[in-house]
Amino acid sequence: MSEATLDVQAGEPLQPEGDLQSVESAAPTADRERFVCVDVLRGFALLGILVMNIQSFAMVATAYMNPNALGPIEGGDYYVWLLSHVFADQKCMTLFSLLFGAGIMMMSEHQAAKSLPAAGLHYRRMIWLFVIGMIHAYALWYGDILVTYAICGSIAFLFRKLRPSFLLTLGLLALLVPSLISLAFGYSMSYWPEEQIREMELDSWQPTAEIIEEELSTYRGSWMEQMPDRAFASLMMQTFIFLIQYGWRAGGLMLIGMAFWKWNILQGKRSSVFYTTLILVGSLGIPIILLGVHRNFEANWSIEYSFFQGSQFNYWGSLFVSLAYVGCAMLACKSSSVLRCLRPLAAVGQMALTNYLMHTIICTTIFYGHGFGLYGTFNRVEQLLLVLAIWTLQLVGSPFWLKRFRFGPFEWLWRSLSYWQIQPMRRAVG
């Protein structure tokens, strides 16, 4: 399944006046700079998520989970897939969910500091995020994650006052649920009717040439011709897949992100030794994921093994790798000179909702029939080249925009709707 992201601010903007210039002058561990650390990590995750989402934009859906869905993968395509799988797949959703939980704590603390209730603002934001996500899913792309975040964020908010150790425990238990469901399905497959397994294989894992051609024709067709497939896939994402996987994973990670915020991990306030240890521990995820790659290819990516049991290596390994990314980002933010170099990345993170939606707008225009109709024509190497081009556009464009405006366009819309008041957009000159 596709991953996606958004601006995880749950309350006030991460920098009170949206002033990215503070990146250049702040000491790494100052209070005003803790938000920059979050922006940097979010920007990194936002760019990384496109490495995975491009596969759903450009290729038939089954190729996202099964690299052999279109035939044996080899050459440059294999190495692009391998690097994407090891370093991006599920890692960026993990980071964004952690940051969403941290955003809930940021908003709550900000409101408490002003002696204002947090619940009203939070739930208005979640309602409008849900609306934006529904429009995104049904009008543009079935891989939307905003609806999932809005629902999970509404629930996670209720736990914000728990001790961090309780939040961590609840989060880990939530993460365990989809893993147990997946293993239960996998081990029960030997009792399934053969025709049921084959039907599932054709629908979700190894489609025939006719099924592939039908999907290519659908997404190379008009916007209305795409609608039935997009609506069905979106509904499945928001119901069945949410209930057995995405809801538990995203919600559990939000709780862990709240615990991390309370422990000052995501503010860059812990010691360099702590973050170095986090990197070393997180690196253990790489051999776990590589073992999964070996086992899946050994099983020839059969649905009987790889769909359920074989996915568990990356499911858990991605959590470790994400911890390593957190450690790297926080260490980078402790260096003023490095932090200056990360200014464009922080700007991407500050405009993450806008940049995420722009991924969809750009890629559906390129690949779908209401645009250039190139769906199914880019191999994985060519997809990566497009990703690099979009990265460049957003790393250049985001700082340029924020020099002139206080928010990204969709951040401004979300904020104005949440407050029921048009927010000031342009920066004061001079």
Protein backbone atom coordinates (compact mmCIF):
# COMPACT_ATOMS: atom_id res chain seq x y z
CA MET A 1 0.00 0.00 0.00
CA SER A 2 1.03 3.53 -0.59
CA GLU A 3 2.35 5.78 2.06
CA ALA A 4 1.62 9.46 2.34
CA THR A 5 2.29 12.45 4.52
CA LEU A 6 1.13 15.83 5.64
CA ASP A 7 2.05 18.82 7.68
CA VAL A 8 1.82 17.32 11.15
CA GLN A 9 1.35 20.60 12.97
CA ALA A 10 -1.53 19.97 15.34
CA GLY A 11 -1.86 23.51 16.59
CA GLU A 12 0.06 26.73 16.10
CA PRO A 13 2.66 26.99 13.35
CA LEU A 14 5.92 25.37 14.30
CA GLN A 15 7.64 28.73 14.27
CA PRO A 16 5.28 31.28 15.82
CA GLU A 17 5.68 33.79 13.01
CA GLY A 18 6.69 31.24 10.40
CA ASP A 19 10.17 32.85 10.42
CA LEU A 20 12.59 30.45 8.86
CA GLN A 21 15.42 32.95 9.25
CA SER A 22 15.80 31.78 12.86
CA VAL A 23 17.51 28.69 11.46
CA GLU A 24 20.53 30.77 10.62
CA SER A 25 21.04 32.49 13.94
CA ALA A 26 19.66 30.25 16.67
CA ALA A 27 21.79 28.11 18.94
CA PRO A 28 20.99 24.45 18.25
CA THR A 29 19.32 23.67 21.55
CA ALA A 30 17.46 26.96 22.14
CA ASP A 31 13.72 26.72 22.73
CA ARG A 32 12.89 28.66 19.58
CA GLU A 33 14.88 26.18 17.56
CA ARG A 34 13.31 22.98 18.77
CA PHE A 35 10.61 23.49 16.15
CA VAL A 36 13.23 23.73 13.41
CA CYS A 37 14.41 20.24 14.35
CA VAL A 38 10.87 19.00 13.76
CA ASP A 39 10.69 20.87 10.45
CA VAL A 40 13.96 19.31 9.28
CA LEU A 41 12.82 15.80 10.16
CA ARG A 42 9.44 16.39 8.53
CA GLY A 43 11.07 17.76 5.40
CA PHE A 44 13.31 14.71 5.18
CA ALA A 45 10.30 12.40 5.54
CA LEU A 46 8.29 14.38 2.98
CA LEU A 47 10.97 14.02 0.33
CA GLY A 48 11.54 10.37 1.19
CA ILE A 49 7.87 9.48 0.93
CA LEU A 50 7.82 10.40 -2.75
CA VAL A 51 10.35 7.63 -3.40
CA MET A 52 7.58 5.19 -2.47
CA ASN A 53 4.49 7.05 -3.65
CA ILE A 54 5.90 7.51 -7.14
CA GLN A 55 5.45 3.77 -7.62
CA SER A 56 1.70 4.06 -7.01
CA PHE A 57 1.41 7.10 -9.24
CA ALA A 58 3.36 5.56 -12.12
CA MET A 59 2.78 1.78 -12.03
CA VAL A 60 0.02 -0.76 -11.57
CA ALA A 61 -0.94 -1.04 -7.92
CA THR A 62 0.40 -4.55 -7.30
CA ALA A 63 3.95 -3.49 -8.23
CA TYR A 64 4.13 -1.47 -5.01
CA MET A 65 4.11 -4.55 -2.77
CA ASN A 66 5.38 -7.22 -5.17
CA PRO A 67 8.48 -6.19 -7.16
CA ASN A 68 7.92 -9.18 -9.47
CA ALA A 69 4.32 -8.26 -10.26
CA LEU A 70 5.26 -7.14 -13.77
CA GLY A 71 7.89 -9.83 -14.28
CA PRO A 72 11.25 -10.60 -12.65
CA ILE A 73 12.91 -7.38 -11.51
CA GLU A 74 16.54 -6.91 -12.55
CA GLY A 75 19.26 -4.42 -13.45
CA GLY A 76 18.84 -0.80 -12.42
CA ASP A 77 15.21 -1.35 -11.51
CA TYR A 78 16.24 -3.94 -8.93
CA TYR A 79 18.71 -1.63 -7.22
CA VAL A 80 16.24 1.27 -7.17
CA TRP A 81 13.62 -1.02 -5.66
CA LEU A 82 16.09 -2.43 -3.10
CA LEU A 83 17.29 0.98 -1.91
CA SER A 84 13.71 2.26 -1.77
CA HIS A 85 12.57 -0.78 0.18
CA VAL A 86 15.42 -0.68 2.70
CA PHE A 87 15.60 3.07 3.31
CA ALA A 88 12.15 4.49 2.48
CA ASP A 89 9.34 1.92 2.55
CA GLN A 90 7.25 2.48 5.74
CA LYS A 91 10.05 4.56 7.30
CA CYS A 92 8.58 7.89 6.25
CA MET A 93 5.05 7.02 7.35
CA THR A 94 6.63 6.08 10.67
CA LEU A 95 8.35 9.46 10.95
CA PHE A 96 5.24 11.42 10.05
CA SER A 97 3.10 9.51 12.52
CA LEU A 98 5.65 10.13 15.28
CA LEU A 99 5.70 13.81 14.38
CA PHE A 100 1.92 13.98 14.29
CA GLY A 101 1.85 12.73 17.87
CA ALA A 102 4.50 15.30 18.79
CA GLY A 103 2.37 17.95 17.08
CA ILE A 104 -0.55 17.09 19.35
CA MET A 105 1.67 17.74 22.35
CA MET A 106 3.01 20.99 20.87
CA MET A 107 -0.49 22.33 20.28
CA SER A 108 -1.68 21.27 23.74
CA GLU A 109 1.29 22.91 25.45
CA HIS A 110 0.88 26.08 23.40
CA GLN A 111 -2.80 26.37 24.29
CA ALA A 112 -2.12 25.61 27.95
CA ALA A 113 0.53 28.35 28.04
CA LYS A 114 -2.16 30.81 26.95
CA SER A 115 -4.69 29.31 29.40
CA LEU A 116 -6.85 28.23 26.46
CA PRO A 117 -8.58 24.85 25.92
CA ALA A 118 -6.93 22.64 23.34
CA ALA A 119 -9.78 20.30 22.38
CA GLY A 120 -11.85 22.71 20.28
CA LEU A 121 -8.93 23.80 18.11
CA HIS A 122 -7.59 20.28 17.75
CA TYR A 123 -10.87 18.76 16.62
CA ARG A 124 -11.59 21.58 14.21
CA ARG A 125 -8.22 20.91 12.64
CA MET A 126 -8.91 17.18 12.46
CA ILE A 127 -12.34 17.73 10.90
CA TRP A 128 -10.90 19.94 8.17
CA LEU A 129 -7.96 17.60 7.64
CA PHE A 130 -10.51 14.81 7.16
CA VAL A 131 -12.38 16.91 4.59
CA ILE A 132 -9.19 17.75 2.70
CA GLY A 133 -8.20 14.08 2.77
CA MET A 134 -11.55 12.93 1.40
CA ILE A 135 -11.33 15.39 -1.48
CA HIS A 136 -7.75 14.32 -2.13
CA ALA A 137 -8.63 10.61 -2.08
CA TYR A 138 -11.75 10.64 -4.23
CA ALA A 139 -10.87 13.46 -6.61
CA LEU A 140 -7.17 12.79 -7.16
CA TRP A 141 -5.46 9.72 -5.68
CA TYR A 142 -6.52 6.67 -3.71
CA GLY A 143 -3.24 6.56 -1.74
CA ASP A 144 -4.30 9.41 0.56
CA ILE A 145 -3.28 9.14 4.22
CA LEU A 146 -4.81 12.37 5.51
CA VAL A 147 -8.09 10.71 6.42
CA THR A 148 -6.21 8.09 8.45
CA TYR A 149 -4.25 10.79 10.26
CA ALA A 150 -7.38 12.82 11.00
CA ILE A 151 -9.15 9.83 12.56
CA CYS A 152 -6.11 8.57 14.48
CA GLY A 153 -5.19 12.08 15.60
CA SER A 154 -8.68 12.55 17.00
CA ILE A 155 -8.31 9.39 19.10
CA ALA A 156 -4.67 9.91 20.12
CA PHE A 157 -5.51 13.34 21.52
CA LEU A 158 -7.51 11.68 24.29
CA PHE A 159 -4.33 10.04 25.66
CA ARG A 160 -2.14 13.15 25.69
CA LYS A 161 -2.04 13.46 29.50
CA LEU A 162 -0.75 9.95 30.16
CA ARG A 163 2.77 9.39 31.37
CA PRO A 164 5.23 8.78 28.52
CA SER A 165 5.93 5.22 29.65
CA PHE A 166 2.19 4.44 29.34
CA LEU A 167 2.04 6.11 25.92
CA LEU A 168 5.01 4.06 24.73
CA THR A 169 3.46 0.82 26.00
CA LEU A 170 0.08 1.53 24.41
CA GLY A 171 1.78 2.51 21.16
CA LEU A 172 3.78 -0.71 20.98
CA LEU A 173 0.68 -2.77 21.75
CA ALA A 174 -1.16 -1.00 18.93
CA LEU A 175 1.72 -1.74 16.54
CA LEU A 176 1.51 -5.40 17.51
CA VAL A 177 -2.13 -5.73 16.40
CA PRO A 178 -1.65 -5.54 12.57
CA SER A 179 1.39 -7.78 12.86
CA LEU A 180 -0.63 -10.46 14.66
CA ILE A 181 -3.48 -10.08 12.16
CA SER A 182 -1.07 -10.48 9.26
CA LEU A 183 0.58 -13.56 10.76
CA ALA A 184 -2.79 -15.10 11.54
CA PHE A 185 -3.92 -14.61 7.94
CA GLY A 186 -0.64 -16.01 6.67
CA TYR A 187 -0.62 -19.15 8.76
CA SER A 188 -4.28 -19.82 8.00
CA MET A 189 -3.78 -19.74 4.23
CA SER A 190 -3.10 -23.48 4.12
CA TYR A 191 -6.78 -23.92 5.05
CA TRP A 192 -8.13 -21.51 2.45
CA PRO A 193 -9.86 -22.82 -0.68
CA GLU A 194 -7.43 -22.79 -3.59
CA GLU A 195 -9.75 -20.66 -5.70
CA GLN A 196 -9.86 -17.99 -2.96
CA ILE A 197 -6.05 -17.78 -2.89
CA ARG A 198 -5.86 -17.52 -6.67
CA GLU A 199 -8.51 -14.80 -6.74
CA MET A 200 -6.60 -12.82 -4.11
CA GLU A 201 -3.38 -13.32 -6.07
CA LEU A 202 -4.90 -11.92 -9.25
CA ASP A 203 -6.47 -8.96 -7.46
CA SER A 204 -3.63 -7.97 -5.15
CA TRP A 205 -0.37 -9.68 -6.01
CA GLN A 206 0.26 -11.19 -9.47
CA PRO A 207 -2.26 -9.93 -12.04
CA THR A 208 -2.58 -11.40 -15.50
CA ALA A 209 -1.64 -9.45 -18.63
CA GLU A 210 -5.34 -8.76 -19.21
CA ILE A 211 -5.83 -7.32 -15.71
CA ILE A 212 -2.71 -5.18 -16.08
CA GLU A 213 -3.92 -3.85 -19.42
CA GLU A 214 -7.31 -3.03 -17.91
CA GLU A 215 -5.69 -0.99 -15.13
CA LEU A 216 -3.42 0.79 -17.60
CA SER A 217 -6.43 1.65 -19.74
CA THR A 218 -8.36 2.94 -16.71
CA TYR A 219 -5.70 5.37 -15.51
CA ARG A 220 -4.79 6.48 -19.00
CA GLY A 221 -8.45 7.32 -19.46
CA SER A 222 -10.37 10.41 -18.47
CA TRP A 223 -10.89 11.60 -14.91
CA MET A 224 -14.40 10.14 -14.88
CA GLU A 225 -13.17 6.81 -16.27
CA GLN A 226 -10.73 6.59 -13.37
CA MET A 227 -13.36 7.41 -10.75
CA PRO A 228 -14.86 3.94 -10.09
CA ASP A 229 -11.46 2.35 -9.48
CA ARG A 230 -10.18 5.33 -7.46
CA ALA A 231 -13.34 5.43 -5.33
CA PHE A 232 -13.26 1.70 -4.61
CA ALA A 233 -9.55 1.77 -3.71
CA SER A 234 -10.04 4.83 -1.49
CA LEU A 235 -12.96 3.20 0.29
CA MET A 236 -10.89 0.07 0.93
CA MET A 237 -8.04 2.21 2.31
CA GLN A 238 -10.41 4.02 4.67
CA THR A 239 -12.28 0.97 5.91
CA PHE A 240 -10.81 -2.54 5.69
CA ILE A 241 -7.13 -1.58 5.43
CA PHE A 242 -7.57 1.09 8.09
CA LEU A 243 -9.11 -1.42 10.50
CA ILE A 244 -6.53 -4.17 10.04
CA GLN A 245 -3.36 -2.13 9.51
CA TYR A 246 -3.10 1.63 8.94
CA GLY A 247 -5.25 2.76 11.86
CA TRP A 248 -3.34 0.67 14.38
CA ARG A 249 0.07 1.55 13.00
CA ALA A 250 -0.50 5.28 12.57
CA GLY A 251 -2.32 5.58 15.88
CA GLY A 252 0.28 3.59 17.79
CA LEU A 253 3.11 5.65 16.35
CA MET A 254 1.32 8.88 17.28
CA LEU A 255 1.22 7.70 20.89
CA ILE A 256 4.93 6.91 20.74
CA GLY A 257 5.58 10.33 19.20
CA MET A 258 3.75 11.92 22.12
CA ALA A 259 5.97 9.97 24.53
CA PHE A 260 9.09 11.03 22.60
CA TRP A 261 8.00 14.66 22.87
CA LYS A 262 7.53 14.37 26.62
CA TRP A 263 11.00 12.82 26.86
CA ASN A 264 12.46 15.75 24.82
CA ILE A 265 13.72 13.40 22.11
CA LEU A 266 12.20 15.21 19.12
CA GLN A 267 13.22 18.66 20.33
CA GLY A 268 16.95 17.90 19.96
CA LYS A 269 17.43 18.40 23.71
CA ARG A 270 18.93 15.03 24.57
CA SER A 271 22.68 14.47 24.57
CA SER A 272 24.77 13.65 21.51
CA VAL A 273 25.52 10.29 23.11
CA PHE A 274 21.79 9.56 23.33
CA TYR A 275 21.20 10.34 19.65
CA THR A 276 24.30 8.39 18.61
CA THR A 277 22.96 5.41 20.53
CA LEU A 278 19.63 5.86 18.78
CA ILE A 279 21.42 5.70 15.43
CA LEU A 280 23.32 2.55 16.38
CA VAL A 281 20.21 0.79 17.68
CA GLY A 282 18.20 1.93 14.67
CA SER A 283 20.82 0.56 12.29
CA LEU A 284 19.88 -2.93 13.44
CA GLY A 285 16.78 -2.56 11.28
CA ILE A 286 18.80 -2.76 8.07
CA PRO A 287 19.95 -6.41 8.44
CA ILE A 288 16.41 -7.34 9.53
CA ILE A 289 14.99 -5.82 6.33
CA LEU A 290 17.71 -7.38 4.16
CA LEU A 291 16.96 -10.77 5.68
CA GLY A 292 13.35 -10.25 4.67
CA VAL A 293 14.43 -9.37 1.12
CA HIS A 294 16.48 -12.58 0.96
CA ARG A 295 13.64 -14.72 2.32
CA ASN A 296 11.09 -13.20 -0.08
CA PHE A 297 13.23 -13.73 -3.15
CA GLU A 298 14.00 -17.24 -1.91
CA ALA A 299 10.23 -17.83 -1.83
CA ASN A 300 9.98 -16.28 -5.31
CA TRP A 301 7.67 -13.63 -3.86
CA SER A 302 4.84 -16.15 -3.63
CA ILE A 303 1.61 -14.81 -2.18
CA GLU A 304 1.50 -17.71 0.26
CA TYR A 305 4.66 -16.47 1.99
CA SER A 306 5.44 -12.88 1.00
CA PHE A 307 2.03 -11.24 1.29
CA PHE A 308 1.72 -11.85 5.02
CA GLN A 309 4.70 -13.45 6.77
CA GLY A 310 7.32 -12.03 4.43
CA SER A 311 6.13 -8.46 5.04
CA GLN A 312 6.92 -8.61 8.76
CA PHE A 313 10.67 -8.09 8.36
CA ASN A 314 10.16 -4.62 6.91
CA TYR A 315 7.18 -3.88 9.17
CA TRP A 316 9.35 -4.11 12.28
CA GLY A 317 12.71 -3.27 10.71
CA SER A 318 11.32 0.06 9.49
CA LEU A 319 10.69 1.13 13.09
CA PHE A 320 14.37 0.72 13.91
CA VAL A 321 15.55 2.55 10.78
CA SER A 322 13.18 5.42 11.59
CA LEU A 323 14.82 5.75 15.01
CA ALA A 324 18.17 6.07 13.26
CA TYR A 325 16.74 8.86 11.10
CA VAL A 326 15.51 10.67 14.21
CA GLY A 327 18.98 10.38 15.74
CA CYS A 328 20.67 11.70 12.59
CA ALA A 329 18.28 14.65 12.29
CA MET A 330 18.64 15.66 15.92
CA LEU A 331 22.45 15.41 15.81
CA ALA A 332 22.47 17.55 12.66
CA CYS A 333 20.37 20.18 14.42
CA LYS A 334 22.94 20.41 17.21
CA SER A 335 25.43 21.93 14.77
CA SER A 336 24.77 25.54 13.77
CA SER A 337 26.79 25.19 10.57
CA VAL A 338 24.94 22.03 9.52
CA LEU A 339 21.63 23.58 10.47
CA ARG A 340 22.24 26.47 8.07
CA CYS A 341 22.69 23.96 5.26
CA LEU A 342 19.41 22.32 6.22
CA ARG A 343 17.42 25.53 5.78
CA PRO A 344 15.82 24.38 2.48
CA LEU A 345 14.88 21.04 4.06
CA ALA A 346 13.26 22.83 7.01
CA ALA A 347 11.28 24.96 4.55
CA VAL A 348 10.03 21.82 2.79
CA GLY A 349 8.94 20.50 6.18
CA GLN A 350 7.20 23.72 7.12
CA MET A 351 5.17 23.46 3.91
CA ALA A 352 4.70 19.69 4.11
CA LEU A 353 0.93 19.65 3.51
CA THR A 354 1.30 21.82 0.41
CA ASN A 355 4.29 19.86 -0.84
CA TYR A 356 2.55 16.53 -0.24
CA LEU A 357 -0.52 17.59 -2.19
CA MET A 358 1.74 18.99 -4.91
CA HIS A 359 3.25 15.50 -5.27
CA THR A 360 -0.20 14.26 -6.17
CA ILE A 361 -1.02 17.15 -8.49
CA ILE A 362 2.28 16.90 -10.36
CA CYS A 363 2.36 13.11 -10.62
CA THR A 364 -1.27 12.56 -11.56
CA THR A 365 -0.88 15.23 -14.24
CA ILE A 366 2.14 13.40 -15.64
CA PHE A 367 0.83 9.84 -15.40
CA TYR A 368 -2.99 9.91 -15.53
CA GLY A 369 -5.19 10.29 -18.57
CA HIS A 370 -6.52 13.73 -17.64
CA GLY A 371 -2.89 14.87 -17.98
CA PHE A 372 -0.16 13.37 -20.16
CA GLY A 373 -1.34 9.76 -19.78
CA LEU A 374 2.08 8.20 -19.13
CA TYR A 375 0.81 5.66 -16.58
CA GLY A 376 2.79 2.44 -16.84
CA THR A 377 5.49 3.83 -19.15
CA PHE A 378 8.21 4.80 -16.62
CA ASN A 379 10.51 2.12 -15.25
CA ARG A 380 11.80 2.44 -11.68
CA VAL A 381 15.01 4.22 -12.69
CA GLU A 382 13.04 6.81 -14.66
CA GLN A 383 10.68 7.22 -11.71
CA LEU A 384 13.65 7.99 -9.47
CA LEU A 385 14.88 10.65 -11.89
CA LEU A 386 11.45 12.30 -11.70
CA VAL A 387 11.63 12.13 -7.90
CA LEU A 388 14.97 13.96 -7.97
CA ALA A 389 13.47 16.65 -10.19
CA ILE A 390 10.54 17.19 -7.81
CA TRP A 391 12.92 17.25 -4.83
CA THR A 392 14.90 20.00 -6.52
CA LEU A 393 11.74 21.97 -7.28
CA GLN A 394 10.56 21.81 -3.68
CA LEU A 395 13.94 22.43 -2.06
CA VAL A 396 14.27 25.58 -4.15
CA GLY A 397 10.63 26.62 -4.21
CA SER A 398 9.77 26.22 -0.52
CA PRO A 399 12.38 28.71 0.85
CA PHE A 400 11.50 31.10 -1.99
CA TRP A 401 7.82 30.98 -1.02
CA LEU A 402 8.42 31.33 2.72
CA LYS A 403 10.54 34.45 2.23
CA ARG A 404 7.39 36.12 0.93
CA PHE A 405 4.56 34.34 2.72
CA ARG A 406 3.98 33.12 6.27
CA PHE A 407 2.43 29.76 5.27
CA GLY A 408 2.21 27.38 2.37
CA PRO A 409 -1.07 27.75 0.42
CA PHE A 410 -2.71 24.64 1.87
CA GLU A 411 -1.37 25.35 5.36
CA TRP A 412 -2.97 28.78 5.11
CA LEU A 413 -6.27 27.25 3.97
CA TRP A 414 -6.25 24.64 6.73
CA ARG A 415 -5.42 27.21 9.38
CA SER A 416 -8.03 29.71 8.16
CA LEU A 417 -10.73 27.03 8.16
CA SER A 418 -9.72 25.80 11.62
CA TYR A 419 -9.90 29.29 13.14
CA TRP A 420 -12.88 30.38 11.01
CA GLN A 421 -10.89 33.49 10.23
CA ILE A 422 -8.79 34.48 7.23
CA GLN A 423 -5.17 34.32 8.34
CA PRO A 424 -2.59 36.91 7.28
CA MET A 425 -0.59 35.45 4.43
CA ARG A 426 2.03 37.93 3.26
CA ARG A 427 5.06 38.75 5.35
CA ALA A 428 5.61 42.29 6.50
CA VAL A 429 8.32 43.94 4.40
CA GLY A 430 11.27 45.57 6.16
